[in-house]
N, C-alpha and C. Protein backbone atom coordinates (compact mmCIF):
# COMPACT_ATOMS: atom_id res chain seq x y z
N MET A 1 150.05 78.10 150.62
CA MET A 1 149.66 77.99 149.23
C MET A 1 150.91 77.71 148.42
N LYS A 2 150.78 76.75 147.50
CA LYS A 2 151.91 76.37 146.66
C LYS A 2 151.48 76.38 145.20
N LEU A 3 152.37 76.90 144.35
CA LEU A 3 152.16 76.88 142.91
C LEU A 3 153.37 76.23 142.25
N VAL A 4 153.13 75.28 141.38
CA VAL A 4 154.18 74.74 140.53
C VAL A 4 153.92 75.33 139.15
N VAL A 5 154.80 76.22 138.74
CA VAL A 5 154.62 77.03 137.53
C VAL A 5 155.50 76.47 136.42
N GLN A 6 154.89 76.16 135.30
CA GLN A 6 155.65 75.65 134.16
C GLN A 6 155.39 76.53 132.94
N ARG A 7 156.49 77.03 132.36
CA ARG A 7 156.38 77.81 131.13
C ARG A 7 156.12 76.82 130.00
N VAL A 8 155.03 77.04 129.24
CA VAL A 8 154.63 76.07 128.24
C VAL A 8 154.41 76.70 126.87
N THR A 9 154.61 75.88 125.86
CA THR A 9 154.24 76.22 124.49
C THR A 9 152.76 75.90 124.29
N SER A 10 152.31 74.81 124.94
CA SER A 10 150.90 74.44 124.93
C SER A 10 150.61 73.59 126.16
N ALA A 11 149.34 73.59 126.58
CA ALA A 11 148.91 72.76 127.70
C ALA A 11 147.40 72.60 127.64
N SER A 12 146.93 71.45 128.14
CA SER A 12 145.50 71.22 128.18
C SER A 12 145.15 70.31 129.36
N VAL A 13 143.88 70.35 129.74
CA VAL A 13 143.35 69.49 130.79
C VAL A 13 142.13 68.78 130.22
N GLU A 14 142.11 67.46 130.45
CA GLU A 14 141.01 66.63 129.95
C GLU A 14 140.31 65.99 131.13
N VAL A 15 138.97 65.99 131.10
CA VAL A 15 138.15 65.32 132.10
C VAL A 15 137.13 64.47 131.36
N GLU A 16 137.11 63.18 131.66
CA GLU A 16 136.16 62.23 131.05
C GLU A 16 136.17 62.33 129.52
N GLY A 17 137.37 62.41 128.94
CA GLY A 17 137.52 62.42 127.49
C GLY A 17 137.28 63.75 126.82
N GLU A 18 136.99 64.80 127.59
CA GLU A 18 136.72 66.12 127.02
C GLU A 18 137.76 67.13 127.50
N ILE A 19 138.32 67.89 126.58
CA ILE A 19 139.26 68.95 126.96
C ILE A 19 138.45 70.10 127.52
N ILE A 20 138.74 70.44 128.80
CA ILE A 20 137.97 71.51 129.46
C ILE A 20 138.76 72.80 129.62
N GLY A 21 140.07 72.73 129.41
CA GLY A 21 140.93 73.92 129.48
C GLY A 21 142.12 73.71 128.58
N GLU A 22 142.48 74.76 127.83
CA GLU A 22 143.59 74.62 126.88
C GLU A 22 144.20 75.99 126.61
N ILE A 23 145.54 76.03 126.58
CA ILE A 23 146.25 77.27 126.27
C ILE A 23 147.41 77.00 125.31
N ASN A 24 147.86 78.06 124.69
CA ASN A 24 149.11 78.09 123.94
C ASN A 24 149.95 79.20 124.55
N ASN A 25 151.24 79.02 124.59
CA ASN A 25 152.17 80.06 125.02
C ASN A 25 151.73 80.77 126.30
N GLY A 26 152.09 80.17 127.41
CA GLY A 26 151.74 80.75 128.69
C GLY A 26 152.30 79.92 129.83
N LEU A 27 151.51 79.85 130.91
CA LEU A 27 151.93 79.14 132.11
C LEU A 27 150.88 78.12 132.51
N MET A 28 151.32 76.87 132.70
CA MET A 28 150.47 75.85 133.29
C MET A 28 150.87 75.79 134.76
N VAL A 29 149.87 75.94 135.62
CA VAL A 29 150.16 76.10 137.05
C VAL A 29 149.36 75.09 137.86
N LEU A 30 150.08 74.22 138.61
CA LEU A 30 149.44 73.36 139.59
C LEU A 30 149.25 74.19 140.85
N VAL A 31 148.03 74.19 141.40
CA VAL A 31 147.68 75.06 142.51
C VAL A 31 147.24 74.22 143.71
N GLY A 32 147.95 74.38 144.84
CA GLY A 32 147.60 73.67 146.06
C GLY A 32 147.40 74.62 147.22
N PHE A 33 146.44 74.29 148.08
CA PHE A 33 146.14 75.13 149.24
C PHE A 33 146.38 74.36 150.53
N GLY A 34 147.06 75.01 151.46
CA GLY A 34 147.29 74.43 152.77
C GLY A 34 146.21 74.82 153.75
N GLU A 35 146.21 74.14 154.88
CA GLU A 35 145.15 74.29 155.88
C GLU A 35 145.00 75.71 156.42
N ASN A 36 146.02 76.55 156.31
CA ASN A 36 145.95 77.91 156.84
C ASN A 36 145.82 78.99 155.77
N ASP A 37 145.65 78.59 154.52
CA ASP A 37 145.59 79.58 153.44
C ASP A 37 144.28 80.36 153.45
N THR A 38 144.40 81.63 153.04
CA THR A 38 143.26 82.54 152.98
C THR A 38 143.31 83.33 151.67
N VAL A 39 142.36 84.23 151.51
CA VAL A 39 142.34 85.09 150.32
C VAL A 39 143.59 85.97 150.25
N LYS A 40 144.19 86.25 151.39
CA LYS A 40 145.40 87.08 151.41
C LYS A 40 146.52 86.42 150.59
N GLU A 41 146.74 85.13 150.81
CA GLU A 41 147.77 84.41 150.06
C GLU A 41 147.39 84.30 148.58
N ALA A 42 146.11 84.07 148.32
CA ALA A 42 145.63 83.95 146.94
C ALA A 42 145.85 85.27 146.18
N GLU A 43 145.55 86.38 146.80
CA GLU A 43 145.75 87.68 146.15
C GLU A 43 147.23 87.94 145.87
N TYR A 44 148.06 87.67 146.87
CA TYR A 44 149.50 87.88 146.71
C TYR A 44 150.06 87.04 145.56
N LEU A 45 149.73 85.75 145.56
CA LEU A 45 150.31 84.86 144.55
C LEU A 45 149.70 85.08 143.17
N ALA A 46 148.47 85.57 143.08
CA ALA A 46 147.89 85.91 141.77
C ALA A 46 148.70 87.04 141.13
N ARG A 47 149.00 88.06 141.91
CA ARG A 47 149.81 89.19 141.40
C ARG A 47 151.22 88.72 141.06
N LYS A 48 151.82 87.94 141.94
CA LYS A 48 153.18 87.44 141.73
C LYS A 48 153.26 86.59 140.46
N LEU A 49 152.30 85.71 140.28
CA LEU A 49 152.27 84.83 139.12
C LEU A 49 152.15 85.62 137.82
N ALA A 50 151.25 86.57 137.77
CA ALA A 50 151.03 87.34 136.55
C ALA A 50 152.24 88.19 136.18
N LYS A 51 153.02 88.60 137.17
CA LYS A 51 154.16 89.50 136.94
C LYS A 51 155.50 88.77 136.92
N LEU A 52 155.49 87.45 137.13
CA LEU A 52 156.73 86.67 137.16
C LEU A 52 157.40 86.71 135.79
N ARG A 53 158.61 87.23 135.74
CA ARG A 53 159.30 87.44 134.46
C ARG A 53 160.15 86.21 134.11
N ILE A 54 159.50 85.25 133.43
CA ILE A 54 160.20 84.02 133.06
C ILE A 54 160.12 83.73 131.56
N PHE A 55 159.69 84.71 130.79
CA PHE A 55 159.70 84.59 129.33
C PHE A 55 160.84 85.44 128.79
N GLU A 56 161.43 84.96 127.71
CA GLU A 56 162.63 85.60 127.17
C GLU A 56 162.30 86.88 126.41
N ASP A 57 163.19 87.86 126.57
CA ASP A 57 163.11 89.09 125.78
C ASP A 57 163.92 88.90 124.49
N ASP A 58 164.12 89.96 123.74
CA ASP A 58 164.85 89.88 122.47
C ASP A 58 166.31 89.49 122.64
N ASN A 59 166.83 89.62 123.86
CA ASN A 59 168.22 89.26 124.13
C ASN A 59 168.36 87.86 124.74
N GLY A 60 167.26 87.12 124.81
CA GLY A 60 167.31 85.76 125.34
C GLY A 60 167.32 85.70 126.86
N ARG A 61 167.01 86.81 127.52
CA ARG A 61 166.99 86.84 129.00
C ARG A 61 165.56 86.72 129.50
N MET A 62 165.40 86.03 130.62
CA MET A 62 164.07 85.95 131.23
C MET A 62 163.73 87.32 131.78
N ASN A 63 162.93 88.06 131.03
CA ASN A 63 162.66 89.44 131.40
C ASN A 63 161.22 89.84 131.13
N LYS A 64 160.39 88.91 130.65
CA LYS A 64 159.00 89.23 130.34
C LYS A 64 158.05 88.34 131.13
N SER A 65 156.91 88.90 131.47
CA SER A 65 155.88 88.16 132.20
C SER A 65 154.85 87.60 131.22
N VAL A 66 153.96 86.79 131.74
CA VAL A 66 152.87 86.26 130.92
C VAL A 66 152.00 87.40 130.41
N ILE A 67 151.89 88.47 131.17
CA ILE A 67 151.15 89.65 130.72
C ILE A 67 151.86 90.27 129.52
N ASP A 68 153.18 90.43 129.62
CA ASP A 68 153.98 91.06 128.57
C ASP A 68 153.88 90.33 127.23
N ILE A 69 153.75 89.01 127.26
CA ILE A 69 153.71 88.24 126.01
C ILE A 69 152.28 87.96 125.55
N ASN A 70 151.29 88.52 126.26
CA ASN A 70 149.88 88.26 125.96
C ASN A 70 149.57 86.76 126.01
N GLY A 71 150.19 86.09 127.00
CA GLY A 71 149.97 84.66 127.18
C GLY A 71 148.77 84.40 128.07
N LYS A 72 148.55 83.12 128.35
CA LYS A 72 147.43 82.70 129.19
C LYS A 72 147.92 81.83 130.33
N LEU A 73 147.06 81.64 131.30
CA LEU A 73 147.30 80.73 132.41
C LEU A 73 146.36 79.54 132.30
N LEU A 74 146.88 78.36 132.59
CA LEU A 74 146.05 77.18 132.78
C LEU A 74 146.25 76.76 134.23
N LEU A 75 145.22 77.00 135.06
CA LEU A 75 145.30 76.71 136.49
C LEU A 75 144.66 75.36 136.77
N VAL A 76 145.43 74.48 137.43
CA VAL A 76 144.98 73.12 137.70
C VAL A 76 145.03 72.87 139.21
N PRO A 77 143.87 72.66 139.86
CA PRO A 77 143.87 72.39 141.30
C PRO A 77 144.59 71.08 141.59
N GLN A 78 145.43 71.09 142.66
CA GLN A 78 146.29 69.93 142.91
C GLN A 78 146.56 69.80 144.41
N PHE A 79 145.65 69.19 145.13
CA PHE A 79 145.81 69.06 146.58
C PHE A 79 147.03 68.23 146.95
N THR A 80 147.51 67.37 146.05
CA THR A 80 148.64 66.51 146.38
C THR A 80 149.95 67.29 146.56
N LEU A 81 149.95 68.57 146.25
CA LEU A 81 151.13 69.40 146.54
C LEU A 81 151.39 69.47 148.04
N TYR A 82 150.37 69.16 148.84
CA TYR A 82 150.52 69.17 150.29
C TYR A 82 150.68 67.77 150.87
N ALA A 83 151.20 66.85 150.08
CA ALA A 83 151.44 65.49 150.57
C ALA A 83 152.52 65.50 151.65
N HIS A 84 152.25 64.80 152.72
CA HIS A 84 153.23 64.59 153.78
C HIS A 84 153.76 63.18 153.54
N THR A 85 155.06 63.06 153.30
CA THR A 85 155.62 61.78 152.85
C THR A 85 156.61 61.17 153.83
N LYS A 86 156.42 61.42 155.11
CA LYS A 86 157.30 60.80 156.09
C LYS A 86 157.24 59.28 155.98
N LYS A 87 156.05 58.76 155.78
CA LYS A 87 155.88 57.33 155.55
C LYS A 87 155.74 57.11 154.05
N ASN A 88 155.76 55.87 153.64
CA ASN A 88 155.68 55.57 152.21
C ASN A 88 154.33 55.90 151.59
N ARG A 89 153.28 55.87 152.38
CA ARG A 89 151.96 56.24 151.88
C ARG A 89 151.72 57.71 152.23
N PRO A 90 151.52 58.57 151.23
CA PRO A 90 151.34 59.99 151.53
C PRO A 90 150.08 60.27 152.33
N SER A 91 150.18 61.28 153.16
CA SER A 91 149.05 61.79 153.93
C SER A 91 148.80 63.21 153.46
N PHE A 92 147.54 63.63 153.44
CA PHE A 92 147.20 64.96 152.94
C PHE A 92 146.53 65.81 154.01
N HIS A 93 146.85 65.55 155.26
CA HIS A 93 146.21 66.24 156.37
C HIS A 93 146.54 67.74 156.42
N LYS A 94 147.58 68.17 155.74
CA LYS A 94 147.93 69.59 155.75
C LYS A 94 147.28 70.36 154.61
N ALA A 95 146.57 69.65 153.72
CA ALA A 95 145.85 70.32 152.64
C ALA A 95 144.56 70.93 153.18
N LEU A 96 144.14 72.01 152.55
CA LEU A 96 142.89 72.66 152.95
C LEU A 96 141.72 71.74 152.63
N ALA A 97 140.70 71.75 153.48
CA ALA A 97 139.50 70.93 153.27
C ALA A 97 138.91 71.22 151.89
N PRO A 98 138.37 70.20 151.21
CA PRO A 98 137.90 70.36 149.83
C PRO A 98 136.90 71.50 149.61
N ASP A 99 135.93 71.68 150.50
CA ASP A 99 134.94 72.74 150.29
C ASP A 99 135.59 74.12 150.35
N LYS A 100 136.48 74.34 151.30
CA LYS A 100 137.18 75.62 151.42
C LYS A 100 138.19 75.80 150.29
N ALA A 101 138.84 74.71 149.90
CA ALA A 101 139.82 74.77 148.81
C ALA A 101 139.13 75.12 147.49
N THR A 102 137.94 74.59 147.27
CA THR A 102 137.20 74.91 146.05
C THR A 102 136.89 76.40 146.00
N GLU A 103 136.42 76.95 147.10
CA GLU A 103 136.13 78.39 147.17
C GLU A 103 137.39 79.22 146.93
N LEU A 104 138.50 78.81 147.54
CA LEU A 104 139.74 79.57 147.40
C LEU A 104 140.31 79.44 145.98
N PHE A 105 140.15 78.27 145.37
CA PHE A 105 140.59 78.10 143.98
C PHE A 105 139.79 79.03 143.06
N ASP A 106 138.49 79.09 143.27
CA ASP A 106 137.65 79.98 142.46
C ASP A 106 138.05 81.44 142.67
N TYR A 107 138.33 81.81 143.90
CA TYR A 107 138.76 83.17 144.21
C TYR A 107 140.10 83.47 143.53
N PHE A 108 141.05 82.54 143.64
CA PHE A 108 142.36 82.70 143.02
C PHE A 108 142.22 82.82 141.50
N THR A 109 141.38 81.97 140.91
CA THR A 109 141.14 82.02 139.47
C THR A 109 140.60 83.39 139.06
N ASN A 110 139.64 83.91 139.81
CA ASN A 110 139.08 85.23 139.51
C ASN A 110 140.12 86.34 139.63
N LYS A 111 140.96 86.26 140.66
CA LYS A 111 142.02 87.27 140.84
C LYS A 111 143.01 87.22 139.69
N CYS A 112 143.40 86.01 139.28
CA CYS A 112 144.30 85.87 138.13
C CYS A 112 143.63 86.41 136.86
N GLY A 113 142.33 86.12 136.73
CA GLY A 113 141.57 86.55 135.56
C GLY A 113 141.45 88.06 135.43
N GLU A 114 141.65 88.77 136.52
CA GLU A 114 141.66 90.24 136.45
C GLU A 114 142.93 90.76 135.78
N LEU A 115 143.95 89.90 135.70
CA LEU A 115 145.26 90.31 135.19
C LEU A 115 145.61 89.68 133.84
N VAL A 116 145.10 88.47 133.58
CA VAL A 116 145.48 87.71 132.39
C VAL A 116 144.37 86.71 132.07
N ASP A 117 144.29 86.26 130.81
CA ASP A 117 143.29 85.25 130.44
C ASP A 117 143.59 83.93 131.14
N VAL A 118 142.54 83.28 131.62
CA VAL A 118 142.70 82.06 132.43
C VAL A 118 141.79 80.95 131.91
N GLU A 119 142.35 79.75 131.88
CA GLU A 119 141.61 78.50 131.68
C GLU A 119 141.87 77.68 132.94
N THR A 120 140.99 76.72 133.23
CA THR A 120 141.18 75.93 134.45
C THR A 120 140.88 74.46 134.25
N GLY A 121 141.39 73.69 135.20
CA GLY A 121 140.98 72.31 135.36
C GLY A 121 139.71 72.31 136.20
N LYS A 122 139.30 71.14 136.65
CA LYS A 122 138.07 71.01 137.42
C LYS A 122 138.40 70.48 138.80
N PHE A 123 138.05 71.22 139.81
CA PHE A 123 138.34 70.83 141.18
C PHE A 123 137.64 69.52 141.52
N GLY A 124 138.40 68.58 142.07
CA GLY A 124 137.86 67.30 142.52
C GLY A 124 137.70 66.25 141.43
N ALA A 125 137.99 66.62 140.19
CA ALA A 125 137.85 65.66 139.09
C ALA A 125 139.16 64.93 138.84
N PHE A 126 139.07 63.74 138.23
CA PHE A 126 140.26 63.05 137.76
C PHE A 126 140.62 63.70 136.43
N MET A 127 141.80 64.31 136.36
CA MET A 127 142.19 65.08 135.19
C MET A 127 143.42 64.47 134.53
N LYS A 128 143.47 64.59 133.23
CA LYS A 128 144.66 64.27 132.47
C LYS A 128 145.22 65.59 131.97
N VAL A 129 146.46 65.87 132.39
CA VAL A 129 147.10 67.13 132.03
C VAL A 129 148.18 66.85 131.00
N ASN A 130 148.13 67.58 129.91
CA ASN A 130 149.09 67.44 128.84
C ASN A 130 149.78 68.78 128.66
N LEU A 131 151.13 68.77 128.57
CA LEU A 131 151.83 70.03 128.37
C LEU A 131 153.12 69.83 127.62
N LEU A 132 153.52 70.88 126.96
CA LEU A 132 154.81 70.93 126.30
C LEU A 132 155.59 72.03 127.02
N ASN A 133 156.47 71.61 127.94
CA ASN A 133 157.24 72.54 128.76
C ASN A 133 158.25 73.25 127.86
N ASN A 134 158.30 74.55 127.97
CA ASN A 134 159.15 75.38 127.13
C ASN A 134 160.39 75.78 127.90
N GLY A 135 161.51 75.18 127.59
CA GLY A 135 162.78 75.52 128.25
C GLY A 135 163.61 74.29 128.56
N PRO A 136 163.22 73.46 129.46
CA PRO A 136 162.06 73.56 130.34
C PRO A 136 162.29 74.58 131.46
N VAL A 137 161.22 75.25 131.81
CA VAL A 137 161.25 76.18 132.94
C VAL A 137 160.15 75.77 133.89
N THR A 138 160.53 75.42 135.12
CA THR A 138 159.59 75.07 136.18
C THR A 138 160.03 75.76 137.45
N ILE A 139 159.10 76.51 138.05
CA ILE A 139 159.40 77.29 139.25
C ILE A 139 158.32 77.04 140.29
N ILE A 140 158.72 76.93 141.54
CA ILE A 140 157.77 76.76 142.64
C ILE A 140 157.62 78.09 143.37
N LEU A 141 156.36 78.53 143.48
CA LEU A 141 156.05 79.74 144.24
C LEU A 141 155.28 79.32 145.47
N GLU A 142 155.64 79.88 146.60
CA GLU A 142 154.94 79.59 147.84
C GLU A 142 154.76 80.87 148.64
N LYS A 143 153.68 80.91 149.37
CA LYS A 143 153.49 81.97 150.34
C LYS A 143 153.58 81.30 151.69
N GLU A 144 154.69 81.50 152.36
CA GLU A 144 154.92 80.86 153.66
C GLU A 144 154.33 81.74 154.77
N TYR A 145 154.11 81.13 155.91
CA TYR A 145 153.57 81.85 157.07
C TYR A 145 154.69 82.31 157.96
């Protein structure tokens, strides 16, 4: 499981001309699942994401989490995080199958939602993601085997 976490001032996801998810002051997260991912990885990374201290405190140090600032998460499913690029044309054979990935994304979203307010993109849809990266701060979280 891979997460690309971006600290944002604002972010939104649009599908077919309609904004389906939108946040201010929080984390926009691209979420990818590998062929061996399970609910165990989803639970671990949901807790890790909610508690990740990448927001500044009064001294300008990254010392606060999205929970601490009463921020939100915008979770965007992104199977291309598992692109294999040995050749010029990417292969996605290491990504989790779409039906299982949809279930795991929903599970991950629910786990995150137990800790912080969550908005999402739409699994399998063509999405336009708009964000204003704050910092910029971008961090990759992975649960390796």
